[in-house]
Amino acid sequence: MEAFQERLESFFVTRLRLSGPIVFTMDPIPGFQPAEGGGPEAFVHYATSAARIDLRSFAPEDFGTKLSAQSLTAYLDRLAASHPPGQHFEILEAPAVTNGPARFRFLGKRALTLRYAYDQEGKRTVRAENWVEAEGLIHVISIEAPRDAFDRHFEAARASFNAAAPAG
């Protein structure tokens, strides 16, 4: 990952260029920095490592089925079944295809979003996974944070990833 200055009309803005299975640019995510040892697509909040953003990319055939709201609902159900009862796993948002404005996009494609909460080390954690098929790969952008700070971190990540574009 590298930061660079891009001219926008009469002023310069800082952008990030990420290189992995694909190369793309995006706005920096306020308050986040690259995670130590997390690879070029993992970010951690500078004030608390409990707030994390990760981007994983893999071939569609590695998912084992076609990416859809139905396949992600089955994935979410398996996650729920695999969490120990003491974690109080709770599904907050099931993936759905909608016709309205996309809340989360990556590389111009609408994401299928799922969101859940669970207890971890005595604190309630919320995690959203935004699944997108673009550029021949499936991309999963995950945002995880303590419940009381989740919405703020989700919105910061959403704004930056919505602005992502393939590097040219």
N, C-alpha and C. Protein backbone atom coordinates (compact mmCIF):
# COMPACT_ATOMS: atom_id res chain seq x y z
N MET A 1 0.85 -1.16 0.00
CA MET A 1 0.00 0.00 0.00
C MET A 1 0.90 1.23 0.00
N GLU A 2 0.48 2.22 -0.77
CA GLU A 2 1.23 3.47 -0.78
C GLU A 2 0.26 4.65 -0.86
N ALA A 3 0.62 5.73 -0.19
CA ALA A 3 -0.15 6.96 -0.26
C ALA A 3 0.43 7.83 -1.37
N PHE A 4 -0.44 8.56 -2.08
CA PHE A 4 0.03 9.46 -3.12
C PHE A 4 -0.93 10.64 -3.21
N GLN A 5 -0.50 11.69 -3.84
CA GLN A 5 -1.32 12.89 -4.03
C GLN A 5 -1.93 12.86 -5.42
N GLU A 6 -3.23 13.10 -5.49
CA GLU A 6 -3.94 13.12 -6.76
C GLU A 6 -4.58 14.50 -6.91
N ARG A 7 -4.44 15.07 -8.09
CA ARG A 7 -5.01 16.40 -8.34
C ARG A 7 -6.52 16.27 -8.60
N LEU A 8 -7.29 17.04 -7.87
CA LEU A 8 -8.73 17.10 -8.06
C LEU A 8 -9.07 18.55 -8.27
N GLU A 9 -9.36 18.89 -9.52
CA GLU A 9 -9.58 20.27 -9.94
C GLU A 9 -8.36 21.11 -9.56
N SER A 10 -8.49 22.05 -8.61
CA SER A 10 -7.37 22.95 -8.33
C SER A 10 -6.63 22.60 -7.04
N PHE A 11 -6.90 21.43 -6.44
CA PHE A 11 -6.17 21.08 -5.22
C PHE A 11 -5.81 19.60 -5.26
N PHE A 12 -4.94 19.19 -4.32
CA PHE A 12 -4.48 17.82 -4.25
C PHE A 12 -5.11 17.11 -3.07
N VAL A 13 -5.46 15.84 -3.26
CA VAL A 13 -6.02 15.02 -2.19
C VAL A 13 -5.15 13.78 -2.04
N THR A 14 -5.08 13.27 -0.82
CA THR A 14 -4.34 12.04 -0.57
C THR A 14 -5.21 10.85 -0.92
N ARG A 15 -4.63 9.93 -1.66
CA ARG A 15 -5.30 8.67 -2.02
C ARG A 15 -4.38 7.53 -1.65
N LEU A 16 -4.93 6.34 -1.56
CA LEU A 16 -4.15 5.13 -1.30
C LEU A 16 -4.19 4.25 -2.54
N ARG A 17 -3.07 3.62 -2.84
CA ARG A 17 -3.01 2.62 -3.91
C ARG A 17 -2.72 1.29 -3.22
N LEU A 18 -3.61 0.33 -3.39
CA LEU A 18 -3.43 -0.99 -2.80
C LEU A 18 -3.16 -1.98 -3.92
N SER A 19 -2.17 -2.81 -3.69
CA SER A 19 -1.78 -3.82 -4.68
C SER A 19 -1.92 -5.19 -4.05
N GLY A 20 -2.71 -6.00 -4.65
CA GLY A 20 -2.93 -7.37 -4.20
C GLY A 20 -3.34 -8.15 -5.43
N PRO A 21 -4.36 -8.97 -5.30
CA PRO A 21 -4.86 -9.67 -6.48
C PRO A 21 -5.30 -8.69 -7.57
N ILE A 22 -5.73 -7.48 -7.15
CA ILE A 22 -6.03 -6.40 -8.07
C ILE A 22 -5.35 -5.15 -7.53
N VAL A 23 -5.18 -4.16 -8.38
CA VAL A 23 -4.61 -2.88 -7.97
C VAL A 23 -5.72 -1.85 -8.07
N PHE A 24 -5.94 -1.11 -6.97
CA PHE A 24 -6.99 -0.10 -6.98
C PHE A 24 -6.57 1.06 -6.09
N THR A 25 -7.26 2.18 -6.27
CA THR A 25 -7.03 3.35 -5.43
C THR A 25 -8.31 3.64 -4.64
N MET A 26 -8.12 4.28 -3.50
CA MET A 26 -9.25 4.63 -2.65
C MET A 26 -8.86 5.79 -1.75
N ASP A 27 -9.85 6.42 -1.15
CA ASP A 27 -9.60 7.46 -0.16
C ASP A 27 -9.07 6.79 1.11
N PRO A 28 -8.19 7.46 1.85
CA PRO A 28 -7.77 6.92 3.15
C PRO A 28 -8.99 6.78 4.07
N ILE A 29 -8.93 5.84 4.99
CA ILE A 29 -10.02 5.65 5.94
C ILE A 29 -9.65 6.42 7.21
N PRO A 30 -10.39 7.47 7.54
CA PRO A 30 -10.02 8.32 8.69
C PRO A 30 -9.81 7.52 9.97
N GLY A 31 -8.67 7.74 10.61
CA GLY A 31 -8.35 7.10 11.88
C GLY A 31 -7.73 5.72 11.76
N PHE A 32 -7.66 5.17 10.54
CA PHE A 32 -7.12 3.82 10.37
C PHE A 32 -5.74 3.87 9.72
N GLN A 33 -4.94 2.86 10.03
CA GLN A 33 -3.61 2.72 9.45
C GLN A 33 -3.40 1.24 9.11
N PRO A 34 -2.41 0.92 8.26
CA PRO A 34 -2.18 -0.49 7.94
C PRO A 34 -1.89 -1.30 9.21
N ALA A 35 -2.43 -2.50 9.28
CA ALA A 35 -2.20 -3.36 10.44
C ALA A 35 -0.82 -3.98 10.34
N GLU A 36 -0.12 -4.05 11.45
CA GLU A 36 1.19 -4.71 11.50
C GLU A 36 1.01 -6.18 11.16
N GLY A 37 1.73 -6.65 10.17
CA GLY A 37 1.66 -8.05 9.79
C GLY A 37 0.33 -8.46 9.19
N GLY A 38 -0.55 -7.51 8.97
CA GLY A 38 -1.87 -7.83 8.45
C GLY A 38 -1.94 -7.84 6.94
N GLY A 39 -0.82 -7.59 6.26
CA GLY A 39 -0.84 -7.53 4.81
C GLY A 39 -1.31 -6.18 4.33
N PRO A 40 -1.24 -5.95 3.03
CA PRO A 40 -1.58 -4.63 2.49
C PRO A 40 -3.05 -4.29 2.55
N GLU A 41 -3.91 -5.26 2.88
CA GLU A 41 -5.33 -4.95 2.88
C GLU A 41 -5.98 -5.12 4.25
N ALA A 42 -5.21 -4.91 5.32
CA ALA A 42 -5.76 -4.94 6.68
C ALA A 42 -5.43 -3.62 7.35
N PHE A 43 -6.44 -3.04 8.00
CA PHE A 43 -6.28 -1.75 8.67
C PHE A 43 -6.74 -1.89 10.11
N VAL A 44 -6.11 -1.13 10.99
CA VAL A 44 -6.50 -1.11 12.39
C VAL A 44 -6.63 0.35 12.80
N HIS A 45 -7.58 0.64 13.69
CA HIS A 45 -7.76 2.01 14.14
C HIS A 45 -6.58 2.41 15.01
N TYR A 46 -6.07 3.61 14.82
CA TYR A 46 -4.88 4.03 15.55
C TYR A 46 -5.12 4.11 17.05
N ALA A 47 -6.34 4.32 17.50
CA ALA A 47 -6.62 4.47 18.93
C ALA A 47 -6.99 3.16 19.60
N THR A 48 -7.47 2.18 18.84
CA THR A 48 -7.87 0.91 19.43
C THR A 48 -7.77 -0.19 18.38
N SER A 49 -7.01 -1.23 18.69
CA SER A 49 -6.89 -2.33 17.74
C SER A 49 -8.18 -3.15 17.67
N ALA A 50 -9.16 -2.86 18.52
CA ALA A 50 -10.44 -3.57 18.48
C ALA A 50 -11.25 -3.19 17.24
N ALA A 51 -10.93 -2.08 16.60
CA ALA A 51 -11.61 -1.67 15.37
C ALA A 51 -10.72 -2.04 14.19
N ARG A 52 -11.22 -2.96 13.37
CA ARG A 52 -10.43 -3.49 12.25
C ARG A 52 -11.24 -3.45 10.95
N ILE A 53 -10.53 -3.28 9.86
CA ILE A 53 -11.11 -3.36 8.53
C ILE A 53 -10.21 -4.28 7.73
N ASP A 54 -10.79 -5.26 7.08
CA ASP A 54 -10.01 -6.21 6.28
C ASP A 54 -10.64 -6.36 4.91
N LEU A 55 -9.78 -6.56 3.92
CA LEU A 55 -10.22 -6.86 2.57
C LEU A 55 -9.59 -8.18 2.16
N ARG A 56 -10.43 -9.17 1.85
CA ARG A 56 -9.96 -10.45 1.34
C ARG A 56 -10.50 -10.61 -0.07
N SER A 57 -9.68 -11.16 -0.95
CA SER A 57 -10.11 -11.39 -2.33
C SER A 57 -9.76 -12.83 -2.69
N PHE A 58 -10.66 -13.48 -3.40
CA PHE A 58 -10.40 -14.86 -3.81
C PHE A 58 -11.22 -15.18 -5.06
N ALA A 59 -10.84 -16.27 -5.71
CA ALA A 59 -11.51 -16.69 -6.94
C ALA A 59 -12.93 -17.17 -6.61
N PRO A 60 -13.89 -16.90 -7.48
CA PRO A 60 -15.27 -17.34 -7.23
C PRO A 60 -15.39 -18.85 -6.97
N GLU A 61 -14.58 -19.65 -7.66
CA GLU A 61 -14.66 -21.10 -7.46
C GLU A 61 -14.21 -21.52 -6.06
N ASP A 62 -13.43 -20.67 -5.39
CA ASP A 62 -13.01 -20.97 -4.02
C ASP A 62 -14.14 -20.80 -3.02
N PHE A 63 -15.18 -20.09 -3.39
CA PHE A 63 -16.34 -19.90 -2.51
C PHE A 63 -17.21 -21.16 -2.52
N GLY A 64 -17.15 -21.92 -3.58
CA GLY A 64 -17.86 -23.19 -3.65
C GLY A 64 -19.26 -23.12 -4.21
N THR A 65 -19.82 -21.93 -4.34
CA THR A 65 -21.15 -21.76 -4.90
C THR A 65 -21.24 -20.35 -5.46
N LYS A 66 -22.27 -20.08 -6.23
CA LYS A 66 -22.44 -18.74 -6.79
C LYS A 66 -22.74 -17.74 -5.67
N LEU A 67 -22.11 -16.59 -5.73
CA LEU A 67 -22.35 -15.55 -4.74
C LEU A 67 -23.75 -14.99 -4.94
N SER A 68 -24.57 -15.09 -3.91
CA SER A 68 -25.96 -14.60 -3.96
C SER A 68 -26.43 -14.35 -2.54
N ALA A 69 -27.57 -13.69 -2.42
CA ALA A 69 -28.16 -13.48 -1.09
C ALA A 69 -28.45 -14.82 -0.42
N GLN A 70 -28.88 -15.81 -1.19
CA GLN A 70 -29.20 -17.12 -0.63
C GLN A 70 -27.94 -17.84 -0.13
N SER A 71 -26.86 -17.80 -0.92
CA SER A 71 -25.64 -18.49 -0.48
C SER A 71 -25.03 -17.80 0.74
N LEU A 72 -25.13 -16.47 0.81
CA LEU A 72 -24.61 -15.76 1.98
C LEU A 72 -25.50 -15.96 3.21
N THR A 73 -26.79 -16.15 3.01
CA THR A 73 -27.67 -16.47 4.14
C THR A 73 -27.29 -17.83 4.72
N ALA A 74 -27.00 -18.79 3.85
CA ALA A 74 -26.55 -20.11 4.32
C ALA A 74 -25.21 -20.00 5.05
N TYR A 75 -24.30 -19.19 4.53
CA TYR A 75 -23.00 -18.94 5.19
C TYR A 75 -23.24 -18.32 6.58
N LEU A 76 -24.13 -17.34 6.67
CA LEU A 76 -24.43 -16.67 7.93
C LEU A 76 -25.05 -17.66 8.93
N ASP A 77 -25.92 -18.53 8.46
CA ASP A 77 -26.51 -19.55 9.33
C ASP A 77 -25.44 -20.50 9.87
N ARG A 78 -24.45 -20.88 9.03
CA ARG A 78 -23.35 -21.74 9.48
C ARG A 78 -22.51 -21.01 10.54
N LEU A 79 -22.27 -19.70 10.32
CA LEU A 79 -21.54 -18.92 11.32
C LEU A 79 -22.27 -18.93 12.66
N ALA A 80 -23.57 -18.70 12.62
CA ALA A 80 -24.37 -18.67 13.84
C ALA A 80 -24.28 -20.00 14.57
N ALA A 81 -24.36 -21.10 13.83
CA ALA A 81 -24.32 -22.43 14.44
C ALA A 81 -22.94 -22.75 15.02
N SER A 82 -21.89 -22.15 14.48
CA SER A 82 -20.53 -22.48 14.92
C SER A 82 -20.07 -21.67 16.13
N HIS A 83 -20.76 -20.60 16.48
CA HIS A 83 -20.36 -19.79 17.64
C HIS A 83 -20.85 -20.45 18.93
N PRO A 84 -20.00 -20.48 19.95
CA PRO A 84 -20.43 -21.05 21.23
C PRO A 84 -21.58 -20.24 21.85
N PRO A 85 -22.48 -20.88 22.57
CA PRO A 85 -23.63 -20.17 23.15
C PRO A 85 -23.23 -18.99 24.03
N GLY A 86 -22.10 -19.05 24.70
CA GLY A 86 -21.66 -17.97 25.58
C GLY A 86 -21.32 -16.68 24.86
N GLN A 87 -21.17 -16.74 23.54
CA GLN A 87 -20.86 -15.53 22.78
C GLN A 87 -22.11 -14.76 22.38
N HIS A 88 -23.29 -15.31 22.60
CA HIS A 88 -24.56 -14.63 22.31
C HIS A 88 -24.57 -14.07 20.88
N PHE A 89 -24.31 -14.94 19.92
CA PHE A 89 -24.30 -14.57 18.50
C PHE A 89 -25.68 -14.08 18.10
N GLU A 90 -25.72 -12.95 17.39
CA GLU A 90 -26.98 -12.36 16.98
C GLU A 90 -26.86 -11.84 15.54
N ILE A 91 -27.75 -12.26 14.66
CA ILE A 91 -27.77 -11.76 13.29
C ILE A 91 -28.49 -10.41 13.29
N LEU A 92 -27.79 -9.38 12.82
CA LEU A 92 -28.35 -8.03 12.79
C LEU A 92 -28.85 -7.63 11.40
N GLU A 93 -28.24 -8.19 10.36
CA GLU A 93 -28.65 -7.87 8.99
C GLU A 93 -28.34 -9.06 8.10
N ALA A 94 -29.36 -9.58 7.46
CA ALA A 94 -29.17 -10.68 6.51
C ALA A 94 -28.99 -10.10 5.12
N PRO A 95 -28.20 -10.77 4.28
CA PRO A 95 -27.98 -10.25 2.93
C PRO A 95 -29.27 -10.26 2.12
N ALA A 96 -29.46 -9.20 1.34
CA ALA A 96 -30.65 -9.08 0.50
C ALA A 96 -30.31 -8.25 -0.73
N VAL A 97 -30.95 -8.58 -1.82
CA VAL A 97 -30.81 -7.79 -3.04
C VAL A 97 -31.90 -6.73 -3.01
N THR A 98 -31.53 -5.49 -3.17
CA THR A 98 -32.50 -4.40 -3.14
C THR A 98 -32.41 -3.60 -4.42
N ASN A 99 -33.46 -2.85 -4.70
CA ASN A 99 -33.46 -1.99 -5.89
C ASN A 99 -33.12 -0.55 -5.57
N GLY A 100 -33.08 -0.21 -4.28
CA GLY A 100 -32.78 1.16 -3.88
C GLY A 100 -31.29 1.45 -4.01
N PRO A 101 -30.87 2.60 -3.50
CA PRO A 101 -29.46 2.96 -3.58
C PRO A 101 -28.60 1.98 -2.80
N ALA A 102 -27.45 1.64 -3.33
CA ALA A 102 -26.53 0.72 -2.66
C ALA A 102 -25.88 1.44 -1.49
N ARG A 103 -25.92 0.80 -0.35
CA ARG A 103 -25.30 1.40 0.83
C ARG A 103 -23.79 1.22 0.80
N PHE A 104 -23.31 0.09 0.34
CA PHE A 104 -21.88 -0.20 0.30
C PHE A 104 -21.55 -0.70 -1.11
N ARG A 105 -20.55 -0.07 -1.71
CA ARG A 105 -20.10 -0.46 -3.05
C ARG A 105 -18.59 -0.62 -3.03
N PHE A 106 -18.10 -1.42 -3.96
CA PHE A 106 -16.66 -1.56 -4.15
C PHE A 106 -16.42 -1.72 -5.64
N LEU A 107 -15.53 -0.89 -6.17
CA LEU A 107 -15.21 -0.88 -7.60
C LEU A 107 -16.48 -0.71 -8.44
N GLY A 108 -17.39 0.09 -7.94
CA GLY A 108 -18.62 0.40 -8.66
C GLY A 108 -19.70 -0.66 -8.56
N LYS A 109 -19.45 -1.74 -7.85
CA LYS A 109 -20.43 -2.84 -7.74
C LYS A 109 -21.11 -2.80 -6.38
N ARG A 110 -22.39 -3.09 -6.38
CA ARG A 110 -23.19 -3.14 -5.16
C ARG A 110 -22.79 -4.35 -4.31
N ALA A 111 -22.63 -4.13 -3.01
CA ALA A 111 -22.25 -5.22 -2.11
C ALA A 111 -23.49 -5.90 -1.54
N LEU A 112 -23.35 -7.17 -1.24
CA LEU A 112 -24.32 -7.89 -0.42
C LEU A 112 -23.75 -7.83 1.00
N THR A 113 -24.51 -7.23 1.91
CA THR A 113 -24.00 -6.99 3.26
C THR A 113 -24.70 -7.89 4.26
N LEU A 114 -23.90 -8.45 5.16
CA LEU A 114 -24.44 -9.17 6.30
C LEU A 114 -23.78 -8.58 7.55
N ARG A 115 -24.51 -8.61 8.65
CA ARG A 115 -24.01 -8.00 9.87
C ARG A 115 -24.44 -8.86 11.05
N TYR A 116 -23.51 -9.04 11.99
CA TYR A 116 -23.82 -9.83 13.18
C TYR A 116 -23.04 -9.29 14.37
N ALA A 117 -23.48 -9.71 15.56
CA ALA A 117 -22.83 -9.28 16.81
C ALA A 117 -22.58 -10.51 17.67
N TYR A 118 -21.56 -10.41 18.51
CA TYR A 118 -21.23 -11.48 19.45
C TYR A 118 -20.41 -10.90 20.59
N ASP A 119 -20.36 -11.61 21.70
CA ASP A 119 -19.58 -11.18 22.85
C ASP A 119 -18.17 -11.73 22.71
N GLN A 120 -17.19 -10.86 22.96
CA GLN A 120 -15.79 -11.25 22.87
C GLN A 120 -15.05 -10.55 24.02
N GLU A 121 -14.43 -11.33 24.86
CA GLU A 121 -13.68 -10.80 26.00
C GLU A 121 -14.52 -9.82 26.82
N GLY A 122 -15.78 -10.18 27.05
CA GLY A 122 -16.66 -9.38 27.88
C GLY A 122 -17.23 -8.14 27.22
N LYS A 123 -16.98 -7.95 25.93
CA LYS A 123 -17.51 -6.78 25.21
C LYS A 123 -18.30 -7.25 24.00
N ARG A 124 -19.31 -6.46 23.65
CA ARG A 124 -20.13 -6.75 22.48
C ARG A 124 -19.41 -6.22 21.24
N THR A 125 -19.18 -7.10 20.27
CA THR A 125 -18.51 -6.76 19.02
C THR A 125 -19.50 -6.89 17.87
N VAL A 126 -19.47 -5.95 16.95
CA VAL A 126 -20.31 -6.01 15.75
C VAL A 126 -19.38 -6.17 14.55
N ARG A 127 -19.79 -7.00 13.62
CA ARG A 127 -19.02 -7.24 12.40
C ARG A 127 -19.95 -7.19 11.20
N ALA A 128 -19.54 -6.44 10.19
CA ALA A 128 -20.27 -6.41 8.91
C ALA A 128 -19.33 -6.98 7.85
N GLU A 129 -19.88 -7.79 6.99
CA GLU A 129 -19.13 -8.32 5.84
C GLU A 129 -19.85 -7.86 4.59
N ASN A 130 -19.12 -7.22 3.71
CA ASN A 130 -19.66 -6.69 2.46
C ASN A 130 -19.03 -7.49 1.32
N TRP A 131 -19.85 -8.28 0.63
CA TRP A 131 -19.39 -9.21 -0.39
C TRP A 131 -19.67 -8.62 -1.77
N VAL A 132 -18.64 -8.58 -2.61
CA VAL A 132 -18.76 -8.00 -3.96
C VAL A 132 -18.02 -8.90 -4.94
N GLU A 133 -18.63 -9.15 -6.09
CA GLU A 133 -17.92 -9.85 -7.17
C GLU A 133 -17.57 -8.81 -8.22
N ALA A 134 -16.26 -8.60 -8.42
CA ALA A 134 -15.77 -7.59 -9.37
C ALA A 134 -14.37 -7.97 -9.83
N GLU A 135 -14.05 -7.58 -11.05
CA GLU A 135 -12.71 -7.81 -11.60
C GLU A 135 -12.34 -9.30 -11.56
N GLY A 136 -13.33 -10.19 -11.73
CA GLY A 136 -13.08 -11.62 -11.77
C GLY A 136 -12.83 -12.28 -10.42
N LEU A 137 -13.03 -11.55 -9.33
CA LEU A 137 -12.80 -12.08 -7.98
C LEU A 137 -13.97 -11.76 -7.07
N ILE A 138 -14.06 -12.49 -5.97
CA ILE A 138 -14.98 -12.14 -4.89
C ILE A 138 -14.15 -11.39 -3.86
N HIS A 139 -14.66 -10.24 -3.44
CA HIS A 139 -13.99 -9.40 -2.44
C HIS A 139 -14.90 -9.32 -1.22
N VAL A 140 -14.31 -9.50 -0.05
CA VAL A 140 -15.05 -9.38 1.21
C VAL A 140 -14.40 -8.28 2.03
N ILE A 141 -15.12 -7.20 2.24
CA ILE A 141 -14.64 -6.09 3.06
C ILE A 141 -15.35 -6.20 4.40
N SER A 142 -14.58 -6.48 5.44
CA SER A 142 -15.14 -6.68 6.78
C SER A 142 -14.79 -5.51 7.67
N ILE A 143 -15.77 -5.06 8.42
CA ILE A 143 -15.58 -4.01 9.41
C ILE A 143 -15.99 -4.61 10.74
N GLU A 144 -15.10 -4.55 11.72
CA GLU A 144 -15.37 -5.11 13.04
C GLU A 144 -14.97 -4.09 14.09
N ALA A 145 -15.86 -3.83 15.04
CA ALA A 145 -15.59 -2.83 16.07
C ALA A 145 -16.49 -3.07 17.27
N PRO A 146 -16.11 -2.51 18.42
CA PRO A 146 -17.02 -2.57 19.56
C PRO A 146 -18.37 -1.93 19.20
N ARG A 147 -19.43 -2.46 19.77
CA ARG A 147 -20.79 -2.03 19.41
C ARG A 147 -20.97 -0.52 19.47
N ASP A 148 -20.44 0.12 20.50
CA ASP A 148 -20.68 1.56 20.67
C ASP A 148 -19.96 2.42 19.63
N ALA A 149 -18.97 1.86 18.93
CA ALA A 149 -18.23 2.64 17.93
C ALA A 149 -18.44 2.11 16.52
N PHE A 150 -19.20 1.04 16.38
CA PHE A 150 -19.31 0.38 15.08
C PHE A 150 -19.83 1.28 13.97
N ASP A 151 -20.95 1.96 14.20
CA ASP A 151 -21.57 2.77 13.13
C ASP A 151 -20.61 3.81 12.59
N ARG A 152 -19.85 4.45 13.44
CA ARG A 152 -18.89 5.47 13.01
C ARG A 152 -17.81 4.84 12.11
N HIS A 153 -17.28 3.69 12.52
CA HIS A 153 -16.23 3.03 11.73
C HIS A 153 -16.79 2.48 10.42
N PHE A 154 -18.01 1.95 10.47
CA PHE A 154 -18.64 1.44 9.25
C PHE A 154 -18.79 2.56 8.22
N GLU A 155 -19.28 3.72 8.66
CA GLU A 155 -19.49 4.83 7.73
C GLU A 155 -18.18 5.34 7.15
N ALA A 156 -17.11 5.37 7.95
CA ALA A 156 -15.80 5.80 7.44
C ALA A 156 -15.31 4.82 6.37
N ALA A 157 -15.43 3.53 6.63
CA ALA A 157 -15.00 2.53 5.66
C ALA A 157 -15.88 2.57 4.41
N ARG A 158 -17.18 2.71 4.61
CA ARG A 158 -18.11 2.75 3.47
C ARG A 158 -17.76 3.89 2.53
N ALA A 159 -17.52 5.07 3.06
CA ALA A 159 -17.20 6.22 2.23
C ALA A 159 -15.91 5.98 1.43
N SER A 160 -14.91 5.42 2.07
CA SER A 160 -13.63 5.19 1.37
C SER A 160 -13.74 4.10 0.32
N PHE A 161 -14.36 2.99 0.65
CA PHE A 161 -14.47 1.89 -0.32
C PHE A 161 -15.44 2.24 -1.44
N ASN A 162 -16.47 3.04 -1.17
CA ASN A 162 -17.38 3.47 -2.24
C ASN A 162 -16.61 4.28 -3.28
N ALA A 163 -15.54 4.98 -2.86
CA ALA A 163 -14.74 5.81 -3.76
C ALA A 163 -13.62 5.02 -4.44
N ALA A 164 -13.52 3.72 -4.17
CA ALA A 164 -12.43 2.92 -4.76
C ALA A 164 -12.62 2.79 -6.27
N ALA A 165 -11.49 2.78 -6.98
CA ALA A 165 -11.52 2.62 -8.44
C ALA A 165 -10.29 1.83 -8.88
N PRO A 166 -10.44 1.02 -9.93
CA PRO A 166 -9.27 0.30 -10.43
C PRO A 166 -8.17 1.30 -10.79
N ALA A 167 -6.92 0.96 -10.45
CA ALA A 167 -5.80 1.83 -10.79
C ALA A 167 -5.53 1.69 -12.28
N GLY A 168 -5.30 2.80 -12.93
CA GLY A 168 -5.12 2.77 -14.37
C GLY A 168 -3.76 3.04 -14.82
